[in-house]
Amino acid sequence: MADGVATSPVLSALLDELSRQGQGGHPNGNQGSLAAYPIVGTIDLLALAEVVENAVGADTSNQEEAKTPAELNAANDG
């Protein structure tokens, strides 16, 4: 894995939330274990999505759903 992964705000937020949910959190110096992160039982995907949105500074309201297909196509065309 790239060195920048360890300092990624998104990865850090995900690991913190997984730890809060009892999933183990940050691996002890083994970044390679993140490629096959073990999940025990169930996880709260809504909570994970929220921490990722917060880490990247996203608005939690889905503004894309409010756009028409023409607006979305125009945005994709640059």
N, C-alpha and C. Protein backbone atom coordinates (compact mmCIF):
# COMPACT_ATOMS: atom_id res chain seq x y z
N MET A 1 0.84 -1.19 0.00
CA MET A 1 0.00 0.00 0.00
C MET A 1 0.87 1.24 0.00
N ALA A 2 0.34 2.28 -0.51
CA ALA A 2 1.07 3.54 -0.57
C ALA A 2 1.24 4.13 0.82
N ASP A 3 2.34 4.87 1.00
CA ASP A 3 2.59 5.49 2.30
C ASP A 3 1.49 6.47 2.69
N GLY A 4 0.89 7.14 1.71
CA GLY A 4 -0.14 8.12 1.98
C GLY A 4 -1.41 7.54 2.55
N VAL A 5 -1.58 6.23 2.41
CA VAL A 5 -2.79 5.59 2.90
C VAL A 5 -2.90 5.72 4.41
N ALA A 6 -1.78 5.63 5.10
CA ALA A 6 -1.79 5.69 6.56
C ALA A 6 -2.30 7.03 7.07
N THR A 7 -2.12 8.08 6.28
CA THR A 7 -2.54 9.41 6.72
C THR A 7 -3.82 9.87 6.05
N SER A 8 -4.46 9.01 5.30
CA SER A 8 -5.70 9.36 4.62
C SER A 8 -6.80 9.66 5.64
N PRO A 9 -7.43 10.84 5.55
CA PRO A 9 -8.51 11.14 6.49
C PRO A 9 -9.69 10.19 6.34
N VAL A 10 -9.94 9.72 5.12
CA VAL A 10 -11.05 8.79 4.90
C VAL A 10 -10.75 7.45 5.55
N LEU A 11 -9.55 6.92 5.30
CA LEU A 11 -9.18 5.63 5.89
C LEU A 11 -9.16 5.73 7.41
N SER A 12 -8.62 6.80 7.93
CA SER A 12 -8.58 6.99 9.37
C SER A 12 -9.99 7.04 9.96
N ALA A 13 -10.89 7.76 9.29
CA ALA A 13 -12.28 7.85 9.77
C ALA A 13 -12.96 6.48 9.73
N LEU A 14 -12.72 5.72 8.65
CA LEU A 14 -13.30 4.38 8.56
C LEU A 14 -12.79 3.48 9.67
N LEU A 15 -11.48 3.49 9.89
CA LEU A 15 -10.91 2.64 10.93
C LEU A 15 -11.39 3.05 12.32
N ASP A 16 -11.50 4.34 12.56
CA ASP A 16 -12.01 4.81 13.85
C ASP A 16 -13.44 4.34 14.08
N GLU A 17 -14.28 4.45 13.04
CA GLU A 17 -15.67 4.04 13.17
C GLU A 17 -15.78 2.53 13.32
N LEU A 18 -14.99 1.78 12.56
CA LEU A 18 -15.00 0.32 12.72
C LEU A 18 -14.56 -0.07 14.12
N SER A 19 -13.58 0.63 14.66
CA SER A 19 -13.14 0.37 16.03
C SER A 19 -14.27 0.66 17.02
N ARG A 20 -14.97 1.78 16.80
CA ARG A 20 -16.09 2.14 17.67
C ARG A 20 -17.17 1.06 17.64
N GLN A 21 -17.31 0.40 16.49
CA GLN A 21 -18.30 -0.66 16.34
C GLN A 21 -17.77 -2.02 16.80
N GLY A 22 -16.58 -2.05 17.38
CA GLY A 22 -16.03 -3.29 17.91
C GLY A 22 -15.37 -4.17 16.86
N GLN A 23 -14.91 -3.58 15.78
CA GLN A 23 -14.32 -4.37 14.69
C GLN A 23 -12.80 -4.41 14.71
N GLY A 24 -12.16 -3.86 15.71
CA GLY A 24 -10.71 -3.96 15.80
C GLY A 24 -9.97 -2.68 15.53
N GLY A 25 -10.47 -1.86 14.62
CA GLY A 25 -9.83 -0.57 14.37
C GLY A 25 -8.51 -0.67 13.64
N HIS A 26 -7.55 0.17 14.05
CA HIS A 26 -6.27 0.28 13.36
C HIS A 26 -5.42 -0.98 13.57
N PRO A 27 -4.88 -1.54 12.48
CA PRO A 27 -3.98 -2.69 12.63
C PRO A 27 -2.67 -2.23 13.26
N ASN A 28 -2.02 -3.12 13.98
CA ASN A 28 -0.77 -2.77 14.67
C ASN A 28 0.40 -2.77 13.69
N GLY A 29 0.59 -1.66 13.00
CA GLY A 29 1.72 -1.51 12.10
C GLY A 29 1.67 -2.35 10.84
N ASN A 30 0.59 -3.02 10.57
CA ASN A 30 0.50 -3.87 9.40
C ASN A 30 -0.51 -3.29 8.42
N GLN A 31 -0.05 -2.36 7.59
CA GLN A 31 -0.94 -1.72 6.61
C GLN A 31 -1.49 -2.74 5.61
N GLY A 32 -0.74 -3.81 5.34
CA GLY A 32 -1.19 -4.82 4.39
C GLY A 32 -2.48 -5.50 4.82
N SER A 33 -2.73 -5.53 6.12
CA SER A 33 -3.95 -6.19 6.60
C SER A 33 -5.21 -5.42 6.23
N LEU A 34 -5.05 -4.18 5.78
CA LEU A 34 -6.21 -3.39 5.39
C LEU A 34 -6.82 -3.87 4.08
N ALA A 35 -6.07 -4.62 3.29
CA ALA A 35 -6.58 -5.14 2.02
C ALA A 35 -7.58 -6.27 2.26
N ALA A 36 -7.54 -6.89 3.42
CA ALA A 36 -8.47 -7.97 3.75
C ALA A 36 -8.92 -7.79 5.19
N TYR A 37 -9.56 -6.67 5.46
CA TYR A 37 -9.96 -6.30 6.82
C TYR A 37 -11.08 -7.23 7.30
N PRO A 38 -10.88 -7.96 8.38
CA PRO A 38 -11.92 -8.89 8.84
C PRO A 38 -13.07 -8.16 9.54
N ILE A 39 -14.28 -8.55 9.21
CA ILE A 39 -15.48 -8.00 9.83
C ILE A 39 -16.13 -9.11 10.65
N VAL A 40 -16.46 -8.80 11.89
CA VAL A 40 -17.10 -9.76 12.77
C VAL A 40 -18.54 -9.33 12.98
N GLY A 41 -19.48 -10.21 12.71
CA GLY A 41 -20.89 -9.87 12.91
C GLY A 41 -21.38 -8.88 11.89
N THR A 42 -22.00 -7.81 12.36
CA THR A 42 -22.57 -6.82 11.46
C THR A 42 -21.91 -5.46 11.67
N ILE A 43 -22.01 -4.62 10.64
CA ILE A 43 -21.50 -3.25 10.75
C ILE A 43 -22.60 -2.29 10.35
N ASP A 44 -22.51 -1.07 10.85
CA ASP A 44 -23.48 -0.02 10.54
C ASP A 44 -22.95 0.76 9.35
N LEU A 45 -23.43 0.43 8.16
CA LEU A 45 -22.96 1.10 6.95
C LEU A 45 -23.35 2.57 6.91
N LEU A 46 -24.47 2.92 7.52
CA LEU A 46 -24.87 4.33 7.55
C LEU A 46 -23.86 5.15 8.36
N ALA A 47 -23.41 4.60 9.46
CA ALA A 47 -22.40 5.29 10.26
C ALA A 47 -21.08 5.39 9.50
N LEU A 48 -20.72 4.33 8.77
CA LEU A 48 -19.50 4.37 7.97
C LEU A 48 -19.60 5.43 6.88
N ALA A 49 -20.74 5.48 6.21
CA ALA A 49 -20.94 6.48 5.15
C ALA A 49 -20.85 7.89 5.73
N GLU A 50 -21.41 8.09 6.90
CA GLU A 50 -21.39 9.42 7.52
C GLU A 50 -19.97 9.86 7.85
N VAL A 51 -19.16 8.95 8.40
CA VAL A 51 -17.80 9.35 8.75
C VAL A 51 -16.97 9.62 7.50
N VAL A 52 -17.23 8.89 6.42
CA VAL A 52 -16.51 9.16 5.17
C VAL A 52 -16.93 10.51 4.61
N GLU A 53 -18.23 10.78 4.59
CA GLU A 53 -18.71 12.08 4.10
C GLU A 53 -18.11 13.22 4.92
N ASN A 54 -18.05 13.04 6.22
CA ASN A 54 -17.47 14.07 7.08
C ASN A 54 -15.97 14.23 6.83
N ALA A 55 -15.29 13.11 6.57
CA ALA A 55 -13.84 13.16 6.35
C ALA A 55 -13.48 13.89 5.06
N VAL A 56 -14.34 13.78 4.06
CA VAL A 56 -14.06 14.46 2.79
C VAL A 56 -14.77 15.80 2.69
N GLY A 57 -15.49 16.17 3.74
CA GLY A 57 -16.17 17.46 3.76
C GLY A 57 -17.41 17.50 2.90
N ALA A 58 -18.02 16.35 2.68
CA ALA A 58 -19.21 16.28 1.83
C ALA A 58 -20.44 16.71 2.59
N ASP A 59 -21.40 17.23 1.85
CA ASP A 59 -22.71 17.54 2.40
C ASP A 59 -23.47 16.23 2.48
N THR A 60 -24.07 15.93 3.63
CA THR A 60 -24.75 14.65 3.77
C THR A 60 -26.06 14.59 3.01
N SER A 61 -26.58 15.72 2.55
CA SER A 61 -27.78 15.67 1.72
C SER A 61 -27.34 15.35 0.30
N ASN A 62 -28.02 14.45 -0.35
CA ASN A 62 -27.63 14.02 -1.69
C ASN A 62 -28.15 14.99 -2.73
N GLN A 63 -27.29 15.93 -3.11
CA GLN A 63 -27.68 16.95 -4.08
C GLN A 63 -27.78 16.37 -5.48
N GLU A 64 -27.12 15.26 -5.76
CA GLU A 64 -27.18 14.65 -7.09
C GLU A 64 -28.59 14.16 -7.39
N GLU A 65 -29.33 13.72 -6.38
CA GLU A 65 -30.68 13.23 -6.60
C GLU A 65 -31.63 14.34 -7.04
N ALA A 66 -31.30 15.58 -6.71
CA ALA A 66 -32.17 16.70 -7.05
C ALA A 66 -31.94 17.19 -8.47
N LYS A 67 -30.90 16.71 -9.14
CA LYS A 67 -30.58 17.18 -10.48
C LYS A 67 -31.30 16.34 -11.53
N THR A 68 -31.62 16.99 -12.65
CA THR A 68 -32.24 16.28 -13.76
C THR A 68 -31.16 15.49 -14.51
N PRO A 69 -31.55 14.49 -15.31
CA PRO A 69 -30.56 13.76 -16.10
C PRO A 69 -29.74 14.67 -17.01
N ALA A 70 -30.38 15.70 -17.58
CA ALA A 70 -29.64 16.63 -18.45
C ALA A 70 -28.57 17.38 -17.66
N GLU A 71 -28.89 17.78 -16.43
CA GLU A 71 -27.91 18.48 -15.59
C GLU A 71 -26.75 17.56 -15.23
N LEU A 72 -27.07 16.30 -14.93
CA LEU A 72 -26.02 15.35 -14.61
C LEU A 72 -25.11 15.09 -15.80
N ASN A 73 -25.70 14.95 -17.00
CA ASN A 73 -24.91 14.73 -18.21
C ASN A 73 -24.02 15.92 -18.50
N ALA A 74 -24.55 17.12 -18.34
CA ALA A 74 -23.77 18.34 -18.58
C ALA A 74 -22.59 18.41 -17.61
N ALA A 75 -22.82 18.04 -16.37
CA ALA A 75 -21.75 18.06 -15.38
C ALA A 75 -20.68 17.03 -15.72
N ASN A 76 -21.09 15.87 -16.22
CA ASN A 76 -20.14 14.82 -16.58
C ASN A 76 -19.34 15.18 -17.82
N ASP A 77 -19.92 15.99 -18.70
CA ASP A 77 -19.23 16.39 -19.93
C ASP A 77 -18.17 17.45 -19.69
N GLY A 78 -18.19 18.03 -18.49
CA GLY A 78 -17.18 19.02 -18.13
C GLY A 78 -17.57 20.37 -18.57
